[in-house]
Amino acid sequence: MKLDEIVTQVAASSGIKAGELKKAIDSVFATIKTTVETGDKVSIPGLGSFVLKNREAGEKVNAKSGEKQIVEAASFLTFKPAKTGAGKKDKTAKAERAEKKDKKDKKKVEA
């Protein structure tokens, strides 16, 4: 889903004009960017965290060619998703599958 599609759906469900909503969303992202650039972490419950990571300069090895390369120091924005929602459902589903398998295994042993 692209930003324009999100704006359209939220505008339709909230009654806020799409243009105003787009400005608000742009402001949220600009605030996240400037906050992270100052070194602070931005956490949004249920969504995740935005953090600025720093990579030190140094000599790295290209995994494909084995060639050594000099890499400059760099900073980049990272996002770590929150461990809620789908992640919990997946764990529950895995546990349910494991229980079903255990029951089948027990039936085979009993037979």
PDB file of N, CA and C in Angstrom:
ATOM      1  N   MET A   1       0.847  -1.167   0.000  1.00  0.00           N
ATOM      2  CA  MET A   1       0.000   0.000   0.000  1.00  0.00           C
ATOM      3  C   MET A   1       0.895   1.234   0.000  1.00  0.00           C
ATOM      4  N   LYS A   2       0.552   2.186  -0.818  1.00  0.00           N
ATOM      5  CA  LYS A   2       1.335   3.407  -0.937  1.00  0.00           C
ATOM      6  C   LYS A   2       0.703   4.515  -0.097  1.00  0.00           C
ATOM      7  N   LEU A   3       1.480   5.572   0.135  1.00  0.00           N
ATOM      8  CA  LEU A   3       1.040   6.670   0.988  1.00  0.00           C
ATOM      9  C   LEU A   3      -0.273   7.283   0.507  1.00  0.00           C
ATOM     10  N   ASP A   4      -0.408   7.480  -0.798  1.00  0.00           N
ATOM     11  CA  ASP A   4      -1.641   8.072  -1.324  1.00  0.00           C
ATOM     12  C   ASP A   4      -2.855   7.195  -1.020  1.00  0.00           C
ATOM     13  N   GLU A   5      -2.684   5.892  -1.080  1.00  0.00           N
ATOM     14  CA  GLU A   5      -3.782   4.974  -0.768  1.00  0.00           C
ATOM     15  C   GLU A   5      -4.140   5.043   0.713  1.00  0.00           C
ATOM     16  N   ILE A   6      -3.128   5.161   1.565  1.00  0.00           N
ATOM     17  CA  ILE A   6      -3.371   5.280   3.005  1.00  0.00           C
ATOM     18  C   ILE A   6      -4.128   6.568   3.286  1.00  0.00           C
ATOM     19  N   VAL A   7      -3.685   7.667   2.673  1.00  0.00           N
ATOM     20  CA  VAL A   7      -4.345   8.960   2.870  1.00  0.00           C
ATOM     21  C   VAL A   7      -5.802   8.876   2.437  1.00  0.00           C
ATOM     22  N   THR A   8      -6.058   8.260   1.306  1.00  0.00           N
ATOM     23  CA  THR A   8      -7.425   8.145   0.798  1.00  0.00           C
ATOM     24  C   THR A   8      -8.301   7.346   1.748  1.00  0.00           C
ATOM     25  N   GLN A   9      -7.815   6.221   2.235  1.00  0.00           N
ATOM     26  CA  GLN A   9      -8.606   5.380   3.141  1.00  0.00           C
ATOM     27  C   GLN A   9      -8.856   6.050   4.479  1.00  0.00           C
ATOM     28  N   VAL A  10      -7.817   6.660   5.052  1.00  0.00           N
ATOM     29  CA  VAL A  10      -7.976   7.320   6.352  1.00  0.00           C
ATOM     30  C   VAL A  10      -8.890   8.528   6.218  1.00  0.00           C
ATOM     31  N   ALA A  11      -8.752   9.278   5.145  1.00  0.00           N
ATOM     32  CA  ALA A  11      -9.619  10.438   4.921  1.00  0.00           C
ATOM     33  C   ALA A  11     -11.081  10.007   4.812  1.00  0.00           C
ATOM     34  N   ALA A  12     -11.316   8.914   4.117  1.00  0.00           N
ATOM     35  CA  ALA A  12     -12.687   8.426   3.952  1.00  0.00           C
ATOM     36  C   ALA A  12     -13.280   7.950   5.272  1.00  0.00           C
ATOM     37  N   SER A  13     -12.484   7.297   6.091  1.00  0.00           N
ATOM     38  CA  SER A  13     -13.012   6.753   7.339  1.00  0.00           C
ATOM     39  C   SER A  13     -13.062   7.779   8.470  1.00  0.00           C
ATOM     40  N   SER A  14     -12.263   8.851   8.370  1.00  0.00           N
ATOM     41  CA  SER A  14     -12.208   9.818   9.468  1.00  0.00           C
ATOM     42  C   SER A  14     -12.962  11.112   9.188  1.00  0.00           C
ATOM     43  N   GLY A  15     -13.225  11.396   7.928  1.00  0.00           N
ATOM     44  CA  GLY A  15     -13.908  12.636   7.586  1.00  0.00           C
ATOM     45  C   GLY A  15     -12.961  13.825   7.459  1.00  0.00           C
ATOM     46  N   ILE A  16     -11.667  13.585   7.578  1.00  0.00           N
ATOM     47  CA  ILE A  16     -10.669  14.646   7.421  1.00  0.00           C
ATOM     48  C   ILE A  16     -10.372  14.790   5.929  1.00  0.00           C
ATOM     49  N   LYS A  17     -10.183  16.023   5.476  1.00  0.00           N
ATOM     50  CA  LYS A  17      -9.871  16.249   4.068  1.00  0.00           C
ATOM     51  C   LYS A  17      -8.513  15.635   3.737  1.00  0.00           C
ATOM     52  N   ALA A  18      -8.422  15.039   2.551  1.00  0.00           N
ATOM     53  CA  ALA A  18      -7.209  14.341   2.142  1.00  0.00           C
ATOM     54  C   ALA A  18      -5.995  15.252   2.139  1.00  0.00           C
ATOM     55  N   GLY A  19      -6.137  16.484   1.692  1.00  0.00           N
ATOM     56  CA  GLY A  19      -5.022  17.424   1.654  1.00  0.00           C
ATOM     57  C   GLY A  19      -4.490  17.739   3.043  1.00  0.00           C
ATOM     58  N   GLU A  20      -5.395  17.952   3.994  1.00  0.00           N
ATOM     59  CA  GLU A  20      -4.995  18.235   5.367  1.00  0.00           C
ATOM     60  C   GLU A  20      -4.331  17.015   5.995  1.00  0.00           C
ATOM     61  N   LEU A  21      -4.879  15.850   5.700  1.00  0.00           N
ATOM     62  CA  LEU A  21      -4.325  14.609   6.234  1.00  0.00           C
ATOM     63  C   LEU A  21      -2.922  14.355   5.694  1.00  0.00           C
ATOM     64  N   LYS A  22      -2.717  14.617   4.416  1.00  0.00           N
ATOM     65  CA  LYS A  22      -1.401  14.443   3.796  1.00  0.00           C
ATOM     66  C   LYS A  22      -0.377  15.361   4.452  1.00  0.00           C
ATOM     67  N   LYS A  23      -0.767  16.615   4.744  1.00  0.00           N
ATOM     68  CA  LYS A  23       0.137  17.544   5.426  1.00  0.00           C
ATOM     69  C   LYS A  23       0.482  17.037   6.817  1.00  0.00           C
ATOM     70  N   ALA A  24      -0.500  16.491   7.525  1.00  0.00           N
ATOM     71  CA  ALA A  24      -0.269  15.974   8.877  1.00  0.00           C
ATOM     72  C   ALA A  24       0.678  14.778   8.845  1.00  0.00           C
ATOM     73  N   ILE A  25       0.478  13.880   7.901  1.00  0.00           N
ATOM     74  CA  ILE A  25       1.341  12.700   7.786  1.00  0.00           C
ATOM     75  C   ILE A  25       2.758  13.123   7.418  1.00  0.00           C
ATOM     76  N   ASP A  26       2.896  14.057   6.489  1.00  0.00           N
ATOM     77  CA  ASP A  26       4.223  14.564   6.120  1.00  0.00           C
ATOM     78  C   ASP A  26       4.911  15.187   7.331  1.00  0.00           C
ATOM     79  N   SER A  27       4.140  15.896   8.152  1.00  0.00           N
ATOM     80  CA  SER A  27       4.687  16.505   9.362  1.00  0.00           C
ATOM     81  C   SER A  27       5.154  15.448  10.360  1.00  0.00           C
ATOM     82  N   VAL A  28       4.397  14.368  10.486  1.00  0.00           N
ATOM     83  CA  VAL A  28       4.789  13.271  11.384  1.00  0.00           C
ATOM     84  C   VAL A  28       6.114  12.681  10.938  1.00  0.00           C
ATOM     85  N   PHE A  29       6.248  12.394   9.649  1.00  0.00           N
ATOM     86  CA  PHE A  29       7.488  11.809   9.143  1.00  0.00           C
ATOM     87  C   PHE A  29       8.664  12.780   9.249  1.00  0.00           C
ATOM     88  N   ALA A  30       8.417  14.063   9.022  1.00  0.00           N
ATOM     89  CA  ALA A  30       9.483  15.062   9.159  1.00  0.00           C
ATOM     90  C   ALA A  30       9.948  15.151  10.614  1.00  0.00           C
ATOM     91  N   THR A  31       8.998  15.074  11.538  1.00  0.00           N
ATOM     92  CA  THR A  31       9.339  15.113  12.958  1.00  0.00           C
ATOM     93  C   THR A  31      10.145  13.877  13.356  1.00  0.00           C
ATOM     94  N   ILE A  32       9.742  12.715  12.865  1.00  0.00           N
ATOM     95  CA  ILE A  32      10.489  11.482  13.142  1.00  0.00           C
ATOM     96  C   ILE A  32      11.918  11.632  12.623  1.00  0.00           C
ATOM     97  N   LYS A  33      12.055  12.125  11.395  1.00  0.00           N
ATOM     98  CA  LYS A  33      13.379  12.264  10.785  1.00  0.00           C
ATOM     99  C   LYS A  33      14.265  13.209  11.587  1.00  0.00           C
ATOM    100  N   THR A  34      13.767  14.381  11.934  1.00  0.00           N
ATOM    101  CA  THR A  34      14.594  15.341  12.664  1.00  0.00           C
ATOM    102  C   THR A  34      14.918  14.848  14.078  1.00  0.00           C
ATOM    103  N   THR A  35      13.985  14.166  14.703  1.00  0.00           N
ATOM    104  CA  THR A  35      14.226  13.633  16.046  1.00  0.00           C
ATOM    105  C   THR A  35      15.313  12.569  16.015  1.00  0.00           C
ATOM    106  N   VAL A  36      15.231  11.663  15.056  1.00  0.00           N
ATOM    107  CA  VAL A  36      16.212  10.585  14.948  1.00  0.00           C
ATOM    108  C   VAL A  36      17.582  11.147  14.568  1.00  0.00           C
ATOM    109  N   GLU A  37      17.610  12.168  13.728  1.00  0.00           N
ATOM    110  CA  GLU A  37      18.880  12.776  13.327  1.00  0.00           C
ATOM    111  C   GLU A  37      19.608  13.411  14.506  1.00  0.00           C
ATOM    112  N   THR A  38      18.884  13.823  15.552  1.00  0.00           N
ATOM    113  CA  THR A  38      19.521  14.396  16.745  1.00  0.00           C
ATOM    114  C   THR A  38      20.042  13.309  17.672  1.00  0.00           C
ATOM    115  N   GLY A  39      19.756  12.045  17.351  1.00  0.00           N
ATOM    116  CA  GLY A  39      20.261  10.930  18.155  1.00  0.00           C
ATOM    117  C   GLY A  39      19.223  10.315  19.067  1.00  0.00           C
ATOM    118  N   ASP A  40      18.018  10.847  19.069  1.00  0.00           N
ATOM    119  CA  ASP A  40      16.957  10.285  19.899  1.00  0.00           C
ATOM    120  C   ASP A  40      16.232   9.159  19.171  1.00  0.00           C
ATOM    121  N   LYS A  41      15.658   8.257  19.944  1.00  0.00           N
ATOM    122  CA  LYS A  41      14.892   7.136  19.411  1.00  0.00           C
ATOM    123  C   LYS A  41      13.410   7.541  19.388  1.00  0.00           C
ATOM    124  N   VAL A  42      12.705   7.165  18.341  1.00  0.00           N
ATOM    125  CA  VAL A  42      11.273   7.425  18.244  1.00  0.00           C
ATOM    126  C   VAL A  42      10.553   6.084  18.315  1.00  0.00           C
ATOM    127  N   SER A  43       9.717   5.916  19.343  1.00  0.00           N
ATOM    128  CA  SER A  43       8.966   4.669  19.523  1.00  0.00           C
ATOM    129  C   SER A  43       7.479   4.943  19.362  1.00  0.00           C
ATOM    130  N   ILE A  44       6.834   4.139  18.552  1.00  0.00           N
ATOM    131  CA  ILE A  44       5.390   4.237  18.360  1.00  0.00           C
ATOM    132  C   ILE A  44       4.803   2.892  18.777  1.00  0.00           C
ATOM    133  N   PRO A  45       4.093   2.864  19.923  1.00  0.00           N
ATOM    134  CA  PRO A  45       3.538   1.598  20.420  1.00  0.00           C
ATOM    135  C   PRO A  45       2.662   0.909  19.373  1.00  0.00           C
ATOM    136  N   GLY A  46       2.859  -0.380  19.231  1.00  0.00           N
ATOM    137  CA  GLY A  46       2.089  -1.156  18.268  1.00  0.00           C
ATOM    138  C   GLY A  46       2.649  -1.116  16.860  1.00  0.00           C
ATOM    139  N   LEU A  47       3.571  -0.198  16.589  1.00  0.00           N
ATOM    140  CA  LEU A  47       4.173  -0.097  15.263  1.00  0.00           C
ATOM    141  C   LEU A  47       5.653  -0.470  15.313  1.00  0.00           C
ATOM    142  N   GLY A  48       6.439   0.276  16.106  1.00  0.00           N
ATOM    143  CA  GLY A  48       7.855  -0.030  16.214  1.00  0.00           C
ATOM    144  C   GLY A  48       8.676   1.181  16.578  1.00  0.00           C
ATOM    145  N   SER A  49       9.990   1.076  16.363  1.00  0.00           N
ATOM    146  CA  SER A  49      10.924   2.139  16.748  1.00  0.00           C
ATOM    147  C   SER A  49      11.804   2.531  15.574  1.00  0.00           C
ATOM    148  N   PHE A  50      12.086   3.836  15.502  1.00  0.00           N
ATOM    149  CA  PHE A  50      13.004   4.392  14.516  1.00  0.00           C
ATOM    150  C   PHE A  50      14.264   4.806  15.256  1.00  0.00           C
ATOM    151  N   VAL A  51      15.438   4.369  14.753  1.00  0.00           N
ATOM    152  CA  VAL A  51      16.708   4.652  15.402  1.00  0.00           C
ATOM    153  C   VAL A  51      17.754   4.970  14.335  1.00  0.00           C
ATOM    154  N   LEU A  52      18.675   5.865  14.672  1.00  0.00           N
ATOM    155  CA  LEU A  52      19.780   6.164  13.771  1.00  0.00           C
ATOM    156  C   LEU A  52      20.944   5.251  14.130  1.00  0.00           C
ATOM    157  N   LYS A  53      21.418   4.474  13.167  1.00  0.00           N
ATOM    158  CA  LYS A  53      22.559   3.580  13.396  1.00  0.00           C
ATOM    159  C   LYS A  53      23.772   4.180  12.709  1.00  0.00           C
ATOM    160  N   ASN A  54      24.909   3.997  13.333  1.00  0.00           N
ATOM    161  CA  ASN A  54      26.163   4.506  12.781  1.00  0.00           C
ATOM    162  C   ASN A  54      27.057   3.342  12.388  1.00  0.00           C
ATOM    163  N   ARG A  55      27.647   3.455  11.215  1.00  0.00           N
ATOM    164  CA  ARG A  55      28.605   2.463  10.757  1.00  0.00           C
ATOM    165  C   ARG A  55      29.975   3.123  10.736  1.00  0.00           C
ATOM    166  N   GLU A  56      30.916   2.499  11.390  1.00  0.00           N
ATOM    167  CA  GLU A  56      32.266   3.045  11.444  1.00  0.00           C
ATOM    168  C   GLU A  56      32.990   2.834  10.115  1.00  0.00           C
ATOM    169  N   ALA A  57      33.918   3.720   9.857  1.00  0.00           N
ATOM    170  CA  ALA A  57      34.755   3.574   8.660  1.00  0.00           C
ATOM    171  C   ALA A  57      35.701   2.404   8.886  1.00  0.00           C
ATOM    172  N   GLY A  58      36.084   1.792   7.810  1.00  0.00           N
ATOM    173  CA  GLY A  58      37.020   0.687   7.945  1.00  0.00           C
ATOM    174  C   GLY A  58      37.169  -0.087   6.660  1.00  0.00           C
ATOM    175  N   GLU A  59      37.903  -1.166   6.761  1.00  0.00           N
ATOM    176  CA  GLU A  59      38.133  -2.024   5.616  1.00  0.00           C
ATOM    177  C   GLU A  59      37.188  -3.208   5.701  1.00  0.00           C
ATOM    178  N   LYS A  60      36.394  -3.418   4.669  1.00  0.00           N
ATOM    179  CA  LYS A  60      35.425  -4.504   4.630  1.00  0.00           C
ATOM    180  C   LYS A  60      35.774  -5.430   3.470  1.00  0.00           C
ATOM    181  N   VAL A  61      35.291  -6.663   3.554  1.00  0.00           N
ATOM    182  CA  VAL A  61      35.544  -7.637   2.501  1.00  0.00           C
ATOM    183  C   VAL A  61      34.240  -7.897   1.757  1.00  0.00           C
ATOM    184  N   ASN A  62      34.294  -7.773   0.428  1.00  0.00           N
ATOM    185  CA  ASN A  62      33.144  -8.070  -0.408  1.00  0.00           C
ATOM    186  C   ASN A  62      32.892  -9.575  -0.359  1.00  0.00           C
ATOM    187  N   ALA A  63      31.707  -9.982   0.051  1.00  0.00           N
ATOM    188  CA  ALA A  63      31.392 -11.396   0.233  1.00  0.00           C
ATOM    189  C   ALA A  63      31.442 -12.183  -1.082  1.00  0.00           C
ATOM    190  N   LYS A  64      31.062 -11.560  -2.182  1.00  0.00           N
ATOM    191  CA  LYS A  64      31.050 -12.267  -3.465  1.00  0.00           C
ATOM    192  C   LYS A  64      32.442 -12.420  -4.061  1.00  0.00           C
ATOM    193  N   SER A  65      33.187 -11.307  -4.098  1.00  0.00           N
ATOM    194  CA  SER A  65      34.471 -11.341  -4.794  1.00  0.00           C
ATOM    195  C   SER A  65      35.661 -11.572  -3.857  1.00  0.00           C
ATOM    196  N   GLY A  66      35.443 -11.346  -2.559  1.00  0.00           N
ATOM    197  CA  GLY A  66      36.533 -11.488  -1.614  1.00  0.00           C
ATOM    198  C   GLY A  66      37.474 -10.285  -1.619  1.00  0.00           C
ATOM    199  N   GLU A  67      37.132  -9.287  -2.418  1.00  0.00           N
ATOM    200  CA  GLU A  67      37.947  -8.086  -2.558  1.00  0.00           C
ATOM    201  C   GLU A  67      37.787  -7.181  -1.339  1.00  0.00           C
ATOM    202  N   LYS A  68      38.876  -6.610  -0.860  1.00  0.00           N
ATOM    203  CA  LYS A  68      38.832  -5.688   0.271  1.00  0.00           C
ATOM    204  C   LYS A  68      38.489  -4.293  -0.235  1.00  0.00           C
ATOM    205  N   GLN A  69      37.616  -3.611   0.507  1.00  0.00           N
ATOM    206  CA  GLN A  69      37.197  -2.267   0.125  1.00  0.00           C
ATOM    207  C   GLN A  69      37.239  -1.375   1.352  1.00  0.00           C
ATOM    208  N   ILE A  70      37.544  -0.107   1.129  1.00  0.00           N
ATOM    209  CA  ILE A  70      37.515   0.866   2.217  1.00  0.00           C
ATOM    210  C   ILE A  70      36.123   1.482   2.232  1.00  0.00           C
ATOM    211  N   VAL A  71      35.488   1.427   3.395  1.00  0.00           N
ATOM    212  CA  VAL A  71      34.130   1.935   3.543  1.00  0.00           C
ATOM    213  C   VAL A  71      34.168   3.145   4.461  1.00  0.00           C
ATOM    214  N   GLU A  72      33.516   4.216   4.033  1.00  0.00           N
ATOM    215  CA  GLU A  72      33.457   5.430   4.843  1.00  0.00           C
ATOM    216  C   GLU A  72      32.432   5.274   5.951  1.00  0.00           C
ATOM    217  N   ALA A  73      32.580   6.055   7.006  1.00  0.00           N
ATOM    218  CA  ALA A  73      31.604   6.058   8.094  1.00  0.00           C
ATOM    219  C   ALA A  73      30.277   6.583   7.549  1.00  0.00           C
ATOM    220  N   ALA A  74      29.189   6.038   8.053  1.00  0.00           N
ATOM    221  CA  ALA A  74      27.876   6.459   7.587  1.00  0.00           C
ATOM    222  C   ALA A  74      26.841   6.305   8.700  1.00  0.00           C
ATOM    223  N   SER A  75      25.792   7.076   8.603  1.00  0.00           N
ATOM    224  CA  SER A  75      24.656   6.964   9.512  1.00  0.00           C
ATOM    225  C   SER A  75      23.434   6.670   8.673  1.00  0.00           C
ATOM    226  N   PHE A  76      22.555   5.803   9.177  1.00  0.00           N
ATOM    227  CA  PHE A  76      21.356   5.476   8.432  1.00  0.00           C
ATOM    228  C   PHE A  76      20.206   5.180   9.380  1.00  0.00           C
ATOM    229  N   LEU A  77      19.025   5.460   8.917  1.00  0.00           N
ATOM    230  CA  LEU A  77      17.808   5.267   9.690  1.00  0.00           C
ATOM    231  C   LEU A  77      17.394   3.807   9.645  1.00  0.00           C
ATOM    232  N   THR A  78      17.072   3.240  10.805  1.00  0.00           N
ATOM    233  CA  THR A  78      16.586   1.864  10.849  1.00  0.00           C
ATOM    234  C   THR A  78      15.230   1.834  11.532  1.00  0.00           C
ATOM    235  N   PHE A  79      14.455   0.830  11.211  1.00  0.00           N
ATOM    236  CA  PHE A  79      13.138   0.635  11.811  1.00  0.00           C
ATOM    237  C   PHE A  79      13.076  -0.772  12.364  1.00  0.00           C
ATOM    238  N   LYS A  80      12.647  -0.872  13.620  1.00  0.00           N
ATOM    239  CA  LYS A  80      12.475  -2.184  14.245  1.00  0.00           C
ATOM    240  C   LYS A  80      10.998  -2.347  14.581  1.00  0.00           C
ATOM    241  N   PRO A  81      10.307  -3.295  13.953  1.00  0.00           N
ATOM    242  CA  PRO A  81       8.878  -3.476  14.205  1.00  0.00           C
ATOM    243  C   PRO A  81       8.610  -3.913  15.643  1.00  0.00           C
ATOM    244  N   ALA A  82       7.458  -3.498  16.155  1.00  0.00           N
ATOM    245  CA  ALA A  82       7.041  -3.905  17.494  1.00  0.00           C
ATOM    246  C   ALA A  82       6.683  -5.386  17.489  1.00  0.00           C
ATOM    247  N   LYS A  83       6.843  -6.031  18.627  1.00  0.00           N
ATOM    248  CA  LYS A  83       6.504  -7.446  18.736  1.00  0.00           C
ATOM    249  C   LYS A  83       5.074  -7.594  19.243  1.00  0.00           C
ATOM    250  N   THR A  84       4.137  -7.190  18.410  1.00  0.00           N
ATOM    251  CA  THR A  84       2.725  -7.306  18.763  1.00  0.00           C
ATOM    252  C   THR A  84       1.945  -7.747  17.548  1.00  0.00           C
ATOM    253  N   GLY A  85       0.686  -7.975  17.736  1.00  0.00           N
ATOM    254  CA  GLY A  85      -0.190  -8.279  16.610  1.00  0.00           C
ATOM    255  C   GLY A  85       0.142  -9.575  15.924  1.00  0.00           C
ATOM    256  N   ALA A  86       0.561  -9.493  14.672  1.00  0.00           N
ATOM    257  CA  ALA A  86       0.789 -10.681  13.850  1.00  0.00           C
ATOM    258  C   ALA A  86       1.838 -11.600  14.452  1.00  0.00           C
ATOM    259  N   GLY A  87       2.855 -11.040  15.077  1.00  0.00           N
ATOM    260  CA  GLY A  87       3.894 -11.870  15.677  1.00  0.00           C
ATOM    261  C   GLY A  87       3.345 -12.778  16.750  1.00  0.00           C
ATOM    262  N   LYS A  88       2.446 -12.265  17.569  1.00  0.00           N
ATOM    263  CA  LYS A  88       1.839 -13.081  18.612  1.00  0.00           C
ATOM    264  C   LYS A  88       0.939 -14.148  18.004  1.00  0.00           C
ATOM    265  N   LYS A  89       0.211 -13.788  16.962  1.00  0.00           N
ATOM    266  CA  LYS A  89      -0.661 -14.764  16.305  1.00  0.00           C
ATOM    267  C   LYS A  89       0.154 -15.898  15.709  1.00  0.00           C
ATOM    268  N   ASP A  90       1.301 -15.541  15.105  1.00  0.00           N
ATOM    269  CA  ASP A  90       2.150 -16.569  14.506  1.00  0.00           C
ATOM    270  C   ASP A  90       2.650 -17.543  15.565  1.00  0.00           C
ATOM    271  N   LYS A  91       3.030 -17.031  16.730  1.00  0.00           N
ATOM    272  CA  LYS A  91       3.513 -17.898  17.790  1.00  0.00           C
ATOM    273  C   LYS A  91       2.397 -18.812  18.266  1.00  0.00           C
ATOM    274  N   THR A  92       1.192 -18.278  18.370  1.00  0.00           N
ATOM    275  CA  THR A  92       0.054 -19.083  18.787  1.00  0.00           C
ATOM    276  C   THR A  92      -0.233 -20.164  17.754  1.00  0.00           C
ATOM    277  N   ALA A  93      -0.213 -19.805  16.499  1.00  0.00           N
ATOM    278  CA  ALA A  93      -0.465 -20.772  15.433  1.00  0.00           C
ATOM    279  C   ALA A  93       0.588 -21.873  15.432  1.00  0.00           C
ATOM    280  N   LYS A  94       1.842 -21.504  15.663  1.00  0.00           N
ATOM    281  CA  LYS A  94       2.911 -22.504  15.717  1.00  0.00           C
ATOM    282  C   LYS A  94       2.691 -23.451  16.887  1.00  0.00           C
ATOM    283  N   ALA A  95       2.275 -22.901  18.020  1.00  0.00           N
ATOM    284  CA  ALA A  95       2.020 -23.733  19.204  1.00  0.00           C
ATOM    285  C   ALA A  95       0.858 -24.690  18.944  1.00  0.00           C
ATOM    286  N   GLU A  96      -0.176 -24.204  18.267  1.00  0.00           N
ATOM    287  CA  GLU A  96      -1.320 -25.060  17.949  1.00  0.00           C
ATOM    288  C   GLU A  96      -0.915 -26.192  17.012  1.00  0.00           C
ATOM    289  N   ARG A  97      -0.094 -25.873  16.011  1.00  0.00           N
ATOM    290  CA  ARG A  97       0.370 -26.914  15.086  1.00  0.00           C
ATOM    291  C   ARG A  97       1.206 -27.955  15.824  1.00  0.00           C
ATOM    292  N   ALA A  98       2.034 -27.501  16.742  1.00  0.00           N
ATOM    293  CA  ALA A  98       2.873 -28.422  17.516  1.00  0.00           C
ATOM    294  C   ALA A  98       2.009 -29.341  18.374  1.00  0.00           C
ATOM    295  N   GLU A  99       0.940 -28.796  18.972  1.00  0.00           N
ATOM    296  CA  GLU A  99       0.029 -29.609  19.786  1.00  0.00           C
ATOM    297  C   GLU A  99      -0.666 -30.668  18.929  1.00  0.00           C
ATOM    298  N   LYS A 100      -1.125 -30.269  17.744  1.00  0.00           N
ATOM    299  CA  LYS A 100      -1.791 -31.209  16.843  1.00  0.00           C
ATOM    300  C   LYS A 100      -0.830 -32.329  16.446  1.00  0.00           C
ATOM    301  N   LYS A 101       0.420 -31.955  16.171  1.00  0.00           N
ATOM    302  CA  LYS A 101       1.407 -32.956  15.787  1.00  0.00           C
ATOM    303  C   LYS A 101       1.660 -33.918  16.942  1.00  0.00           C
ATOM    304  N   ASP A 102       1.756 -33.382  18.167  1.00  0.00           N
ATOM    305  CA  ASP A 102       1.964 -34.226  19.339  1.00  0.00           C
ATOM    306  C   ASP A 102       0.811 -35.212  19.520  1.00  0.00           C
ATOM    307  N   LYS A 103      -0.419 -34.740  19.302  1.00  0.00           N
ATOM    308  CA  LYS A 103      -1.587 -35.610  19.437  1.00  0.00           C
ATOM    309  C   LYS A 103      -1.547 -36.731  18.401  1.00  0.00           C
ATOM    310  N   LYS A 104      -1.171 -36.381  17.159  1.00  0.00           N
ATOM    311  CA  LYS A 104      -1.070 -37.392  16.108  1.00  0.00           C
ATOM    312  C   LYS A 104      -0.003 -38.424  16.450  1.00  0.00           C
ATOM    313  N   ASP A 105       1.139 -37.928  16.952  1.00  0.00           N
ATOM    314  CA  ASP A 105       2.227 -38.829  17.336  1.00  0.00           C
ATOM    315  C   ASP A 105       1.806 -39.769  18.449  1.00  0.00           C
ATOM    316  N   LYS A 106       1.044 -39.272  19.420  1.00  0.00           N
ATOM    317  CA  LYS A 106       0.577 -40.104  20.527  1.00  0.00           C
ATOM    318  C   LYS A 106      -0.383 -41.183  20.027  1.00  0.00           C
ATOM    319  N   LYS A 107      -1.253 -40.820  19.063  1.00  0.00           N
ATOM    320  CA  LYS A 107      -2.201 -41.779  18.500  1.00  0.00           C
ATOM    321  C   LYS A 107      -1.437 -42.883  17.754  1.00  0.00           C
ATOM    322  N   LYS A 108      -0.371 -42.528  17.053  1.00  0.00           N
ATOM    323  CA  LYS A 108       0.416 -43.517  16.322  1.00  0.00           C
ATOM    324  C   LYS A 108       1.081 -44.478  17.299  1.00  0.00           C
ATOM    325  N   VAL A 109       1.569 -43.956  18.406  1.00  0.00           N
ATOM    326  CA  VAL A 109       2.242 -44.774  19.401  1.00  0.00           C
ATOM    327  C   VAL A 109       1.238 -45.727  20.057  1.00  0.00           C
ATOM    328  N   GLU A 110       0.024 -45.249  20.336  1.00  0.00           N
ATOM    329  CA  GLU A 110      -1.017 -46.047  20.983  1.00  0.00           C
ATOM    330  C   GLU A 110      -1.511 -47.159  20.053  1.00  0.00           C
ATOM    331  N   ALA A 111      -1.494 -46.912  18.747  1.00  0.00           N
ATOM    332  CA  ALA A 111      -2.023 -47.874  17.791  1.00  0.00           C
ATOM    333  C   ALA A 111      -1.093 -49.001  17.520  1.00  0.00           C
TER     334      ALA A 111
END
